[in-house]
Every structure is written in C-alpha cells, then in structure tokens.
Amino acid sequence: MKKYVYLITDRNRSCLHVGMSTDLIKTMLFYRRMPNLFFDSAQQLTRLIYFEELSTEDSALYRFKLISSFTRIQKEKVVRSVNPDWLDLTIGLNFEKIAMHTNQTITKGYGVESNHY
C-alpha cells in the first residue's frame, strides 16, 4: 500500500505542517472540513505544497521523521525544490471533483443532498 509524506500550509505560509497518510485526498478533505480542529482559525492548513509517494510504511515513517526534524528553512528548501511558487497541489490531484463526489456519496446515505463541502 502506498504511503504519503506531505507538507501543508495556510494561506499566509506562516505555518508548515508535516504529515503522513495512506490516502492523500481523504486527508486533505479532512483538513478542509475541520480547519480549526488542531490549529486556530488563523492557521487553517488547506494548501498541499509538497508530497512524496513511498512504497513502504518504514520508508514513509523514516521520511516523516526526517522532514519533521528539519528547520523551517530546510522545509522551505524541500518545497521549493519541486514547487517553487508554492502552488496548491490539490489542484493537480483533481481534489475538488473527488471531494465533491465523496461528499455527495456520504450525504446521500443520510438523506441530505449537497453539492459542496
């Protein structure tokens, strides 16, 4: 099973958060639906700016720990090495379309129709 190590940030790039996931789309959907669960409202982490796909849990855990130990400047270098403009990479994952479909599937089971999340 694929594992992902990722970096997300807020709109002002003031907070960088390192995470690990087996499903990047569901993880990003979770962050968007629960923006204030772990962080305050000024730090709504909704922009995926870096991710790596790894083949084993051990390699993902190693990269997660390594990147987590980096200073902010080192994390910024990692991001800029593949995403110099800090673009939100969820666009390339077709996130909006998948998220909307996921939301419709979830809400239909509860008798609620919704086209947004």
PDB file of N, CA and C in Angstrom:
ATOM      1  N   MET A   1       0.844  -1.182   0.000  1.00  0.00           N
ATOM      2  CA  MET A   1       0.000   0.000   0.000  1.00  0.00           C
ATOM      3  C   MET A   1       0.887   1.243   0.000  1.00  0.00           C
ATOM      4  N   LYS A   2       0.490   2.220  -0.791  1.00  0.00           N
ATOM      5  CA  LYS A   2       1.254   3.454  -0.894  1.00  0.00           C
ATOM      6  C   LYS A   2       1.088   4.287   0.367  1.00  0.00           C
ATOM      7  N   LYS A   3       2.140   4.971   0.701  1.00  0.00           N
ATOM      8  CA  LYS A   3       2.141   5.911   1.827  1.00  0.00           C
ATOM      9  C   LYS A   3       2.599   7.258   1.295  1.00  0.00           C
ATOM     10  N   TYR A   4       2.099   8.306   1.909  1.00  0.00           N
ATOM     11  CA  TYR A   4       2.454   9.660   1.503  1.00  0.00           C
ATOM     12  C   TYR A   4       2.986  10.442   2.692  1.00  0.00           C
ATOM     13  N   VAL A   5       4.025  11.205   2.436  1.00  0.00           N
ATOM     14  CA  VAL A   5       4.521  12.195   3.390  1.00  0.00           C
ATOM     15  C   VAL A   5       4.258  13.534   2.712  1.00  0.00           C
ATOM     16  N   TYR A   6       3.707  14.480   3.462  1.00  0.00           N
ATOM     17  CA  TYR A   6       3.292  15.730   2.842  1.00  0.00           C
ATOM     18  C   TYR A   6       3.588  16.917   3.743  1.00  0.00           C
ATOM     19  N   LEU A   7       3.591  18.079   3.118  1.00  0.00           N
ATOM     20  CA  LEU A   7       3.676  19.361   3.819  1.00  0.00           C
ATOM     21  C   LEU A   7       2.471  20.191   3.407  1.00  0.00           C
ATOM     22  N   ILE A   8       1.788  20.750   4.385  1.00  0.00           N
ATOM     23  CA  ILE A   8       0.675  21.657   4.110  1.00  0.00           C
ATOM     24  C   ILE A   8       0.939  22.972   4.832  1.00  0.00           C
ATOM     25  N   THR A   9       0.274  23.994   4.348  1.00  0.00           N
ATOM     26  CA  THR A   9       0.450  25.318   4.934  1.00  0.00           C
ATOM     27  C   THR A   9      -0.872  26.079   4.892  1.00  0.00           C
ATOM     28  N   ASP A  10      -0.861  27.231   5.516  1.00  0.00           N
ATOM     29  CA  ASP A  10      -2.023  28.123   5.482  1.00  0.00           C
ATOM     30  C   ASP A  10      -1.830  29.116   4.337  1.00  0.00           C
ATOM     31  N   ARG A  11      -2.810  29.986   4.136  1.00  0.00           N
ATOM     32  CA  ARG A  11      -2.735  30.913   3.007  1.00  0.00           C
ATOM     33  C   ARG A  11      -1.603  31.926   3.131  1.00  0.00           C
ATOM     34  N   ASN A  12      -1.134  32.186   4.340  1.00  0.00           N
ATOM     35  CA  ASN A  12      -0.052  33.144   4.546  1.00  0.00           C
ATOM     36  C   ASN A  12       1.322  32.496   4.646  1.00  0.00           C
ATOM     37  N   ARG A  13       1.351  31.171   4.519  1.00  0.00           N
ATOM     38  CA  ARG A  13       2.596  30.397   4.620  1.00  0.00           C
ATOM     39  C   ARG A  13       3.285  30.561   5.968  1.00  0.00           C
ATOM     40  N   SER A  14       2.537  30.880   6.982  1.00  0.00           N
ATOM     41  CA  SER A  14       3.155  31.104   8.295  1.00  0.00           C
ATOM     42  C   SER A  14       3.369  29.800   9.061  1.00  0.00           C
ATOM     43  N   CYS A  15       2.598  28.786   8.751  1.00  0.00           N
ATOM     44  CA  CYS A  15       2.714  27.501   9.442  1.00  0.00           C
ATOM     45  C   CYS A  15       2.990  26.405   8.418  1.00  0.00           C
ATOM     46  N   LEU A  16       3.965  25.581   8.697  1.00  0.00           N
ATOM     47  CA  LEU A  16       4.248  24.409   7.868  1.00  0.00           C
ATOM     48  C   LEU A  16       4.023  23.175   8.714  1.00  0.00           C
ATOM     49  N   HIS A  17       3.205  22.269   8.224  1.00  0.00           N
ATOM     50  CA  HIS A  17       2.886  21.053   8.964  1.00  0.00           C
ATOM     51  C   HIS A  17       3.281  19.836   8.135  1.00  0.00           C
ATOM     52  N   VAL A  18       3.992  18.913   8.756  1.00  0.00           N
ATOM     53  CA  VAL A  18       4.396  17.672   8.106  1.00  0.00           C
ATOM     54  C   VAL A  18       3.424  16.588   8.527  1.00  0.00           C
ATOM     55  N   GLY A  19       2.996  15.776   7.578  1.00  0.00           N
ATOM     56  CA  GLY A  19       2.088  14.690   7.899  1.00  0.00           C
ATOM     57  C   GLY A  19       2.396  13.445   7.092  1.00  0.00           C
ATOM     58  N   MET A  20       1.733  12.362   7.468  1.00  0.00           N
ATOM     59  CA  MET A  20       1.874  11.093   6.769  1.00  0.00           C
ATOM     60  C   MET A  20       0.482  10.491   6.607  1.00  0.00           C
ATOM     61  N   SER A  21       0.214   9.896   5.449  1.00  0.00           N
ATOM     62  CA  SER A  21      -1.131   9.401   5.166  1.00  0.00           C
ATOM     63  C   SER A  21      -1.072   8.241   4.184  1.00  0.00           C
ATOM     64  N   THR A  22      -2.115   7.423   4.200  1.00  0.00           N
ATOM     65  CA  THR A  22      -2.269   6.395   3.177  1.00  0.00           C
ATOM     66  C   THR A  22      -3.231   6.852   2.091  1.00  0.00           C
ATOM     67  N   ASP A  23      -3.983   7.914   2.348  1.00  0.00           N
ATOM     68  CA  ASP A  23      -4.932   8.451   1.378  1.00  0.00           C
ATOM     69  C   ASP A  23      -4.878   9.974   1.431  1.00  0.00           C
ATOM     70  N   LEU A  24      -4.135  10.538   0.496  1.00  0.00           N
ATOM     71  CA  LEU A  24      -3.899  11.984   0.493  1.00  0.00           C
ATOM     72  C   LEU A  24      -5.175  12.779   0.271  1.00  0.00           C
ATOM     73  N   ILE A  25      -6.048  12.305  -0.592  1.00  0.00           N
ATOM     74  CA  ILE A  25      -7.306  13.016  -0.862  1.00  0.00           C
ATOM     75  C   ILE A  25      -8.160  13.080   0.402  1.00  0.00           C
ATOM     76  N   LYS A  26      -8.339  11.961   1.079  1.00  0.00           N
ATOM     77  CA  LYS A  26      -9.151  11.948   2.299  1.00  0.00           C
ATOM     78  C   LYS A  26      -8.527  12.815   3.381  1.00  0.00           C
ATOM     79  N   THR A  27      -7.218  12.810   3.459  1.00  0.00           N
ATOM     80  CA  THR A  27      -6.532  13.631   4.457  1.00  0.00           C
ATOM     81  C   THR A  27      -6.773  15.112   4.192  1.00  0.00           C
ATOM     82  N   MET A  28      -6.640  15.527   2.941  1.00  0.00           N
ATOM     83  CA  MET A  28      -6.862  16.934   2.607  1.00  0.00           C
ATOM     84  C   MET A  28      -8.331  17.311   2.805  1.00  0.00           C
ATOM     85  N   LEU A  29      -9.233  16.412   2.494  1.00  0.00           N
ATOM     86  CA  LEU A  29     -10.647  16.659   2.731  1.00  0.00           C
ATOM     87  C   LEU A  29     -10.917  16.859   4.219  1.00  0.00           C
ATOM     88  N   PHE A  30     -10.265  16.060   5.035  1.00  0.00           N
ATOM     89  CA  PHE A  30     -10.401  16.190   6.481  1.00  0.00           C
ATOM     90  C   PHE A  30      -9.922  17.561   6.959  1.00  0.00           C
ATOM     91  N   TYR A  31      -8.763  17.997   6.477  1.00  0.00           N
ATOM     92  CA  TYR A  31      -8.244  19.310   6.872  1.00  0.00           C
ATOM     93  C   TYR A  31      -9.192  20.432   6.461  1.00  0.00           C
ATOM     94  N   ARG A  32      -9.814  20.290   5.303  1.00  0.00           N
ATOM     95  CA  ARG A  32     -10.735  21.344   4.837  1.00  0.00           C
ATOM     96  C   ARG A  32     -12.044  21.335   5.609  1.00  0.00           C
ATOM     97  N   ARG A  33     -12.500  20.165   5.980  1.00  0.00           N
ATOM     98  CA  ARG A  33     -13.765  20.083   6.719  1.00  0.00           C
ATOM     99  C   ARG A  33     -13.604  20.458   8.187  1.00  0.00           C
ATOM    100  N   MET A  34     -12.448  20.236   8.732  1.00  0.00           N
ATOM    101  CA  MET A  34     -12.190  20.505  10.146  1.00  0.00           C
ATOM    102  C   MET A  34     -11.022  21.477  10.288  1.00  0.00           C
ATOM    103  N   PRO A  35     -11.131  22.690   9.758  1.00  0.00           N
ATOM    104  CA  PRO A  35      -9.977  23.589   9.711  1.00  0.00           C
ATOM    105  C   PRO A  35      -9.456  24.037  11.070  1.00  0.00           C
ATOM    106  N   ASN A  36     -10.286  24.047  12.088  1.00  0.00           N
ATOM    107  CA  ASN A  36      -9.853  24.549  13.394  1.00  0.00           C
ATOM    108  C   ASN A  36      -9.667  23.446  14.431  1.00  0.00           C
ATOM    109  N   LEU A  37      -9.675  22.199  13.994  1.00  0.00           N
ATOM    110  CA  LEU A  37      -9.578  21.096  14.935  1.00  0.00           C
ATOM    111  C   LEU A  37      -8.232  21.073  15.652  1.00  0.00           C
ATOM    112  N   PHE A  38      -7.147  21.209  14.907  1.00  0.00           N
ATOM    113  CA  PHE A  38      -5.813  21.138  15.500  1.00  0.00           C
ATOM    114  C   PHE A  38      -5.139  22.494  15.601  1.00  0.00           C
ATOM    115  N   PHE A  39      -5.600  23.448  14.825  1.00  0.00           N
ATOM    116  CA  PHE A  39      -4.939  24.742  14.733  1.00  0.00           C
ATOM    117  C   PHE A  39      -5.975  25.846  14.872  1.00  0.00           C
ATOM    118  N   ASP A  40      -5.536  27.047  15.226  1.00  0.00           N
ATOM    119  CA  ASP A  40      -6.501  28.140  15.368  1.00  0.00           C
ATOM    120  C   ASP A  40      -6.938  28.651  13.998  1.00  0.00           C
ATOM    121  N   SER A  41      -7.913  29.529  13.987  1.00  0.00           N
ATOM    122  CA  SER A  41      -8.519  29.962  12.726  1.00  0.00           C
ATOM    123  C   SER A  41      -7.542  30.703  11.811  1.00  0.00           C
ATOM    124  N   ALA A  42      -6.512  31.292  12.363  1.00  0.00           N
ATOM    125  CA  ALA A  42      -5.521  31.983  11.543  1.00  0.00           C
ATOM    126  C   ALA A  42      -4.604  31.006  10.827  1.00  0.00           C
ATOM    127  N   GLN A  43      -4.596  29.765  11.265  1.00  0.00           N
ATOM    128  CA  GLN A  43      -3.705  28.762  10.683  1.00  0.00           C
ATOM    129  C   GLN A  43      -4.503  27.625  10.043  1.00  0.00           C
ATOM    130  N   GLN A  44      -5.441  27.955   9.200  1.00  0.00           N
ATOM    131  CA  GLN A  44      -6.220  26.923   8.526  1.00  0.00           C
ATOM    132  C   GLN A  44      -5.362  26.284   7.448  1.00  0.00           C
ATOM    133  N   LEU A  45      -4.899  25.096   7.734  1.00  0.00           N
ATOM    134  CA  LEU A  45      -3.968  24.403   6.843  1.00  0.00           C
ATOM    135  C   LEU A  45      -4.737  23.720   5.729  1.00  0.00           C
ATOM    136  N   THR A  46      -4.830  24.364   4.593  1.00  0.00           N
ATOM    137  CA  THR A  46      -5.614  23.832   3.483  1.00  0.00           C
ATOM    138  C   THR A  46      -4.832  23.749   2.187  1.00  0.00           C
ATOM    139  N   ARG A  47      -3.560  24.118   2.191  1.00  0.00           N
ATOM    140  CA  ARG A  47      -2.784  24.116   0.956  1.00  0.00           C
ATOM    141  C   ARG A  47      -1.709  23.033   0.994  1.00  0.00           C
ATOM    142  N   LEU A  48      -1.888  22.058   0.149  1.00  0.00           N
ATOM    143  CA  LEU A  48      -0.898  20.995  -0.011  1.00  0.00           C
ATOM    144  C   LEU A  48       0.212  21.546  -0.895  1.00  0.00           C
ATOM    145  N   ILE A  49       1.423  21.647  -0.345  1.00  0.00           N
ATOM    146  CA  ILE A  49       2.509  22.261  -1.110  1.00  0.00           C
ATOM    147  C   ILE A  49       3.625  21.282  -1.461  1.00  0.00           C
ATOM    148  N   TYR A  50       3.589  20.097  -0.861  1.00  0.00           N
ATOM    149  CA  TYR A  50       4.616  19.096  -1.145  1.00  0.00           C
ATOM    150  C   TYR A  50       4.089  17.734  -0.732  1.00  0.00           C
ATOM    151  N   PHE A  51       4.398  16.713  -1.527  1.00  0.00           N
ATOM    152  CA  PHE A  51       4.135  15.349  -1.087  1.00  0.00           C
ATOM    153  C   PHE A  51       5.060  14.383  -1.797  1.00  0.00           C
ATOM    154  N   GLU A  52       5.320  13.286  -1.131  1.00  0.00           N
ATOM    155  CA  GLU A  52       6.111  12.186  -1.662  1.00  0.00           C
ATOM    156  C   GLU A  52       5.290  10.918  -1.553  1.00  0.00           C
ATOM    157  N   GLU A  53       5.368  10.083  -2.557  1.00  0.00           N
ATOM    158  CA  GLU A  53       4.727   8.776  -2.514  1.00  0.00           C
ATOM    159  C   GLU A  53       5.806   7.739  -2.221  1.00  0.00           C
ATOM    160  N   LEU A  54       5.594   6.958  -1.168  1.00  0.00           N
ATOM    161  CA  LEU A  54       6.565   5.942  -0.780  1.00  0.00           C
ATOM    162  C   LEU A  54       5.899   4.572  -0.782  1.00  0.00           C
ATOM    163  N   SER A  55       6.702   3.546  -1.003  1.00  0.00           N
ATOM    164  CA  SER A  55       6.118   2.212  -1.181  1.00  0.00           C
ATOM    165  C   SER A  55       5.937   1.426   0.112  1.00  0.00           C
ATOM    166  N   THR A  56       6.686   1.785   1.154  1.00  0.00           N
ATOM    167  CA  THR A  56       6.551   1.043   2.407  1.00  0.00           C
ATOM    168  C   THR A  56       6.296   1.982   3.573  1.00  0.00           C
ATOM    169  N   GLU A  57       5.696   1.427   4.605  1.00  0.00           N
ATOM    170  CA  GLU A  57       5.429   2.224   5.798  1.00  0.00           C
ATOM    171  C   GLU A  57       6.727   2.632   6.489  1.00  0.00           C
ATOM    172  N   ASP A  58       7.721   1.744   6.476  1.00  0.00           N
ATOM    173  CA  ASP A  58       9.004   2.070   7.099  1.00  0.00           C
ATOM    174  C   ASP A  58       9.687   3.243   6.407  1.00  0.00           C
ATOM    175  N   SER A  59       9.680   3.241   5.081  1.00  0.00           N
ATOM    176  CA  SER A  59      10.326   4.352   4.361  1.00  0.00           C
ATOM    177  C   SER A  59       9.550   5.653   4.569  1.00  0.00           C
ATOM    178  N   ALA A  60       8.218   5.555   4.619  1.00  0.00           N
ATOM    179  CA  ALA A  60       7.408   6.752   4.862  1.00  0.00           C
ATOM    180  C   ALA A  60       7.647   7.297   6.265  1.00  0.00           C
ATOM    181  N   LEU A  61       7.700   6.412   7.232  1.00  0.00           N
ATOM    182  CA  LEU A  61       7.937   6.840   8.611  1.00  0.00           C
ATOM    183  C   LEU A  61       9.313   7.480   8.748  1.00  0.00           C
ATOM    184  N   TYR A  62      10.307   6.911   8.080  1.00  0.00           N
ATOM    185  CA  TYR A  62      11.643   7.490   8.097  1.00  0.00           C
ATOM    186  C   TYR A  62      11.633   8.906   7.521  1.00  0.00           C
ATOM    187  N   ARG A  63      11.006   9.089   6.342  1.00  0.00           N
ATOM    188  CA  ARG A  63      10.943  10.417   5.716  1.00  0.00           C
ATOM    189  C   ARG A  63      10.136  11.392   6.566  1.00  0.00           C
ATOM    190  N   PHE A  64       9.042  10.912   7.142  1.00  0.00           N
ATOM    191  CA  PHE A  64       8.226  11.761   8.013  1.00  0.00           C
ATOM    192  C   PHE A  64       9.060  12.278   9.181  1.00  0.00           C
ATOM    193  N   LYS A  65       9.771  11.387   9.846  1.00  0.00           N
ATOM    194  CA  LYS A  65      10.602  11.796  10.984  1.00  0.00           C
ATOM    195  C   LYS A  65      11.723  12.721  10.543  1.00  0.00           C
ATOM    196  N   LEU A  66      12.333  12.419   9.405  1.00  0.00           N
ATOM    197  CA  LEU A  66      13.421  13.249   8.909  1.00  0.00           C
ATOM    198  C   LEU A  66      12.940  14.663   8.595  1.00  0.00           C
ATOM    199  N   ILE A  67      11.874  14.779   7.813  1.00  0.00           N
ATOM    200  CA  ILE A  67      11.369  16.106   7.442  1.00  0.00           C
ATOM    201  C   ILE A  67      10.821  16.842   8.662  1.00  0.00           C
ATOM    202  N   SER A  68      10.228  16.115   9.589  1.00  0.00           N
ATOM    203  CA  SER A  68       9.730  16.748  10.825  1.00  0.00           C
ATOM    204  C   SER A  68      10.858  17.354  11.636  1.00  0.00           C
ATOM    205  N   SER A  69      12.040  16.769  11.540  1.00  0.00           N
ATOM    206  CA  SER A  69      13.180  17.281  12.310  1.00  0.00           C
ATOM    207  C   SER A  69      13.841  18.485  11.642  1.00  0.00           C
ATOM    208  N   PHE A  70      13.485  18.771  10.406  1.00  0.00           N
ATOM    209  CA  PHE A  70      14.078  19.889   9.681  1.00  0.00           C
ATOM    210  C   PHE A  70      13.664  21.220  10.298  1.00  0.00           C
ATOM    211  N   THR A  71      14.537  22.205  10.122  1.00  0.00           N
ATOM    212  CA  THR A  71      14.183  23.581  10.482  1.00  0.00           C
ATOM    213  C   THR A  71      13.212  24.108   9.428  1.00  0.00           C
ATOM    214  N   ARG A  72      12.619  25.237   9.699  1.00  0.00           N
ATOM    215  CA  ARG A  72      11.701  25.831   8.728  1.00  0.00           C
ATOM    216  C   ARG A  72      12.407  26.096   7.398  1.00  0.00           C
ATOM    217  N   ILE A  73      13.611  26.600   7.455  1.00  0.00           N
ATOM    218  CA  ILE A  73      14.356  26.905   6.230  1.00  0.00           C
ATOM    219  C   ILE A  73      14.596  25.632   5.418  1.00  0.00           C
ATOM    220  N   GLN A  74      14.916  24.539   6.080  1.00  0.00           N
ATOM    221  CA  GLN A  74      15.126  23.274   5.376  1.00  0.00           C
ATOM    222  C   GLN A  74      13.817  22.776   4.749  1.00  0.00           C
ATOM    223  N   LYS A  75      12.720  22.920   5.465  1.00  0.00           N
ATOM    224  CA  LYS A  75      11.418  22.518   4.913  1.00  0.00           C
ATOM    225  C   LYS A  75      11.071  23.369   3.697  1.00  0.00           C
ATOM    226  N   GLU A  76      11.361  24.659   3.769  1.00  0.00           N
ATOM    227  CA  GLU A  76      11.093  25.544   2.631  1.00  0.00           C
ATOM    228  C   GLU A  76      11.925  25.133   1.422  1.00  0.00           C
ATOM    229  N   LYS A  77      13.161  24.707   1.642  1.00  0.00           N
ATOM    230  CA  LYS A  77      14.009  24.245   0.537  1.00  0.00           C
ATOM    231  C   LYS A  77      13.440  22.986  -0.098  1.00  0.00           C
ATOM    232  N   VAL A  78      12.913  22.105   0.710  1.00  0.00           N
ATOM    233  CA  VAL A  78      12.281  20.890   0.188  1.00  0.00           C
ATOM    234  C   VAL A  78      11.104  21.273  -0.707  1.00  0.00           C
ATOM    235  N   VAL A  79      10.262  22.180  -0.228  1.00  0.00           N
ATOM    236  CA  VAL A  79       9.100  22.614  -1.008  1.00  0.00           C
ATOM    237  C   VAL A  79       9.552  23.272  -2.302  1.00  0.00           C
ATOM    238  N   ARG A  80      10.471  24.218  -2.201  1.00  0.00           N
ATOM    239  CA  ARG A  80      10.903  24.976  -3.386  1.00  0.00           C
ATOM    240  C   ARG A  80      11.627  24.110  -4.415  1.00  0.00           C
ATOM    241  N   SER A  81      12.181  22.983  -3.983  1.00  0.00           N
ATOM    242  CA  SER A  81      12.880  22.107  -4.932  1.00  0.00           C
ATOM    243  C   SER A  81      11.927  21.507  -5.963  1.00  0.00           C
ATOM    244  N   VAL A  82      10.666  21.370  -5.625  1.00  0.00           N
ATOM    245  CA  VAL A  82       9.689  20.797  -6.556  1.00  0.00           C
ATOM    246  C   VAL A  82       8.498  21.715  -6.816  1.00  0.00           C
ATOM    247  N   ASN A  83       8.300  22.713  -5.980  1.00  0.00           N
ATOM    248  CA  ASN A  83       7.148  23.604  -6.096  1.00  0.00           C
ATOM    249  C   ASN A  83       7.596  25.037  -5.759  1.00  0.00           C
ATOM    250  N   PRO A  84       8.391  25.654  -6.643  1.00  0.00           N
ATOM    251  CA  PRO A  84       8.981  26.958  -6.325  1.00  0.00           C
ATOM    252  C   PRO A  84       7.978  28.083  -6.069  1.00  0.00           C
ATOM    253  N   ASP A  85       6.774  27.963  -6.626  1.00  0.00           N
ATOM    254  CA  ASP A  85       5.762  29.001  -6.438  1.00  0.00           C
ATOM    255  C   ASP A  85       4.775  28.678  -5.324  1.00  0.00           C
ATOM    256  N   TRP A  86       5.003  27.582  -4.623  1.00  0.00           N
ATOM    257  CA  TRP A  86       4.151  27.147  -3.513  1.00  0.00           C
ATOM    258  C   TRP A  86       2.688  27.021  -3.954  1.00  0.00           C
ATOM    259  N   LEU A  87       2.472  26.474  -5.130  1.00  0.00           N
ATOM    260  CA  LEU A  87       1.114  26.267  -5.621  1.00  0.00           C
ATOM    261  C   LEU A  87       0.418  25.183  -4.811  1.00  0.00           C
ATOM    262  N   ASP A  88      -0.887  25.284  -4.712  1.00  0.00           N
ATOM    263  CA  ASP A  88      -1.669  24.268  -4.017  1.00  0.00           C
ATOM    264  C   ASP A  88      -1.752  23.041  -4.921  1.00  0.00           C
ATOM    265  N   LEU A  89      -1.117  21.959  -4.531  1.00  0.00           N
ATOM    266  CA  LEU A  89      -1.017  20.765  -5.361  1.00  0.00           C
ATOM    267  C   LEU A  89      -2.283  19.921  -5.375  1.00  0.00           C
ATOM    268  N   THR A  90      -3.261  20.272  -4.562  1.00  0.00           N
ATOM    269  CA  THR A  90      -4.517  19.519  -4.617  1.00  0.00           C
ATOM    270  C   THR A  90      -5.197  19.712  -5.971  1.00  0.00           C
ATOM    271  N   ILE A  91      -4.897  20.797  -6.653  1.00  0.00           N
ATOM    272  CA  ILE A  91      -5.470  21.048  -7.974  1.00  0.00           C
ATOM    273  C   ILE A  91      -5.033  19.948  -8.938  1.00  0.00           C
ATOM    274  N   GLY A  92      -3.774  19.574  -8.893  1.00  0.00           N
ATOM    275  CA  GLY A  92      -3.264  18.520  -9.757  1.00  0.00           C
ATOM    276  C   GLY A  92      -3.792  17.143  -9.404  1.00  0.00           C
ATOM    277  N   LEU A  93      -4.281  16.988  -8.201  1.00  0.00           N
ATOM    278  CA  LEU A  93      -4.847  15.706  -7.775  1.00  0.00           C
ATOM    279  C   LEU A  93      -6.322  15.603  -8.134  1.00  0.00           C
ATOM    280  N   ASN A  94      -6.867  16.644  -8.798  1.00  0.00           N
ATOM    281  CA  ASN A  94      -8.291  16.711  -9.126  1.00  0.00           C
ATOM    282  C   ASN A  94      -9.114  16.661  -7.839  1.00  0.00           C
ATOM    283  N   PHE A  95      -8.616  17.307  -6.816  1.00  0.00           N
ATOM    284  CA  PHE A  95      -9.194  17.239  -5.478  1.00  0.00           C
ATOM    285  C   PHE A  95     -10.631  17.731  -5.415  1.00  0.00           C
ATOM    286  N   GLU A  96     -10.909  18.871  -6.036  1.00  0.00           N
ATOM    287  CA  GLU A  96     -12.249  19.465  -5.921  1.00  0.00           C
ATOM    288  C   GLU A  96     -13.320  18.507  -6.450  1.00  0.00           C
ATOM    289  N   LYS A  97     -13.058  17.889  -7.594  1.00  0.00           N
ATOM    290  CA  LYS A  97     -14.032  16.971  -8.172  1.00  0.00           C
ATOM    291  C   LYS A  97     -14.208  15.734  -7.292  1.00  0.00           C
ATOM    292  N   ILE A  98     -13.115  15.173  -6.817  1.00  0.00           N
ATOM    293  CA  ILE A  98     -13.176  13.992  -5.952  1.00  0.00           C
ATOM    294  C   ILE A  98     -13.864  14.326  -4.638  1.00  0.00           C
ATOM    295  N   ALA A  99     -13.529  15.469  -4.057  1.00  0.00           N
ATOM    296  CA  ALA A  99     -14.123  15.870  -2.782  1.00  0.00           C
ATOM    297  C   ALA A  99     -15.626  16.061  -2.928  1.00  0.00           C
ATOM    298  N   MET A 100     -16.052  16.672  -4.017  1.00  0.00           N
ATOM    299  CA  MET A 100     -17.482  16.890  -4.221  1.00  0.00           C
ATOM    300  C   MET A 100     -18.203  15.547  -4.377  1.00  0.00           C
ATOM    301  N   HIS A 101     -17.617  14.623  -5.130  1.00  0.00           N
ATOM    302  CA  HIS A 101     -18.217  13.299  -5.306  1.00  0.00           C
ATOM    303  C   HIS A 101     -18.272  12.558  -3.975  1.00  0.00           C
ATOM    304  N   THR A 102     -17.202  12.637  -3.200  1.00  0.00           N
ATOM    305  CA  THR A 102     -17.159  11.983  -1.891  1.00  0.00           C
ATOM    306  C   THR A 102     -18.240  12.542  -0.983  1.00  0.00           C
ATOM    307  N   ASN A 103     -18.400  13.857  -0.985  1.00  0.00           N
ATOM    308  CA  ASN A 103     -19.413  14.493  -0.154  1.00  0.00           C
ATOM    309  C   ASN A 103     -20.814  14.064  -0.569  1.00  0.00           C
ATOM    310  N   GLN A 104     -21.080  13.987  -1.860  1.00  0.00           N
ATOM    311  CA  GLN A 104     -22.404  13.569  -2.334  1.00  0.00           C
ATOM    312  C   GLN A 104     -22.689  12.133  -1.917  1.00  0.00           C
ATOM    313  N   THR A 105     -21.686  11.270  -2.010  1.00  0.00           N
ATOM    314  CA  THR A 105     -21.862   9.875  -1.626  1.00  0.00           C
ATOM    315  C   THR A 105     -22.148   9.761  -0.138  1.00  0.00           C
ATOM    316  N   ILE A 106     -21.433  10.512   0.666  1.00  0.00           N
ATOM    317  CA  ILE A 106     -21.609  10.467   2.116  1.00  0.00           C
ATOM    318  C   ILE A 106     -22.977  11.024   2.509  1.00  0.00           C
ATOM    319  N   THR A 107     -23.347  12.189   1.952  1.00  0.00           N
ATOM    320  CA  THR A 107     -24.592  12.828   2.370  1.00  0.00           C
ATOM    321  C   THR A 107     -25.831  12.118   1.845  1.00  0.00           C
ATOM    322  N   LYS A 108     -25.748  11.450   0.708  1.00  0.00           N
ATOM    323  CA  LYS A 108     -26.912  10.731   0.183  1.00  0.00           C
ATOM    324  C   LYS A 108     -27.341   9.622   1.131  1.00  0.00           C
ATOM    325  N   GLY A 109     -26.389   9.026   1.812  1.00  0.00           N
ATOM    326  CA  GLY A 109     -26.707   7.968   2.767  1.00  0.00           C
ATOM    327  C   GLY A 109     -27.500   8.477   3.959  1.00  0.00           C
ATOM    328  N   TYR A 110     -27.484   9.780   4.179  1.00  0.00           N
ATOM    329  CA  TYR A 110     -28.204  10.368   5.309  1.00  0.00           C
ATOM    330  C   TYR A 110     -29.412  11.173   4.866  1.00  0.00           C
ATOM    331  N   GLY A 111     -29.789  11.049   3.596  1.00  0.00           N
ATOM    332  CA  GLY A 111     -30.957  11.760   3.100  1.00  0.00           C
ATOM    333  C   GLY A 111     -30.722  13.239   2.901  1.00  0.00           C
ATOM    334  N   VAL A 112     -29.483  13.658   2.768  1.00  0.00           N
ATOM    335  CA  VAL A 112     -29.157  15.066   2.579  1.00  0.00           C
ATOM    336  C   VAL A 112     -28.491  15.220   1.224  1.00  0.00           C
ATOM    337  N   GLU A 113     -28.962  16.130   0.424  1.00  0.00           N
ATOM    338  CA  GLU A 113     -28.343  16.405  -0.868  1.00  0.00           C
ATOM    339  C   GLU A 113     -27.473  17.647  -0.734  1.00  0.00           C
ATOM    340  N   SER A 114     -26.236  17.544  -1.201  1.00  0.00           N
ATOM    341  CA  SER A 114     -25.325  18.674  -1.095  1.00  0.00           C
ATOM    342  C   SER A 114     -24.330  18.620  -2.240  1.00  0.00           C
ATOM    343  N   ASN A 115     -24.024  19.753  -2.826  1.00  0.00           N
ATOM    344  CA  ASN A 115     -23.033  19.823  -3.895  1.00  0.00           C
ATOM    345  C   ASN A 115     -21.781  20.577  -3.463  1.00  0.00           C
ATOM    346  N   HIS A 116     -21.638  20.819  -2.194  1.00  0.00           N
ATOM    347  CA  HIS A 116     -20.454  21.498  -1.697  1.00  0.00           C
ATOM    348  C   HIS A 116     -20.043  20.866  -0.375  1.00  0.00           C
ATOM    349  N   TYR A 117     -18.864  21.228   0.078  1.00  0.00           N
ATOM    350  CA  TYR A 117     -18.386  20.681   1.346  1.00  0.00           C
ATOM    351  C   TYR A 117     -18.042  21.786   2.295  1.00  0.00           C
TER     352      TYR A 117
END
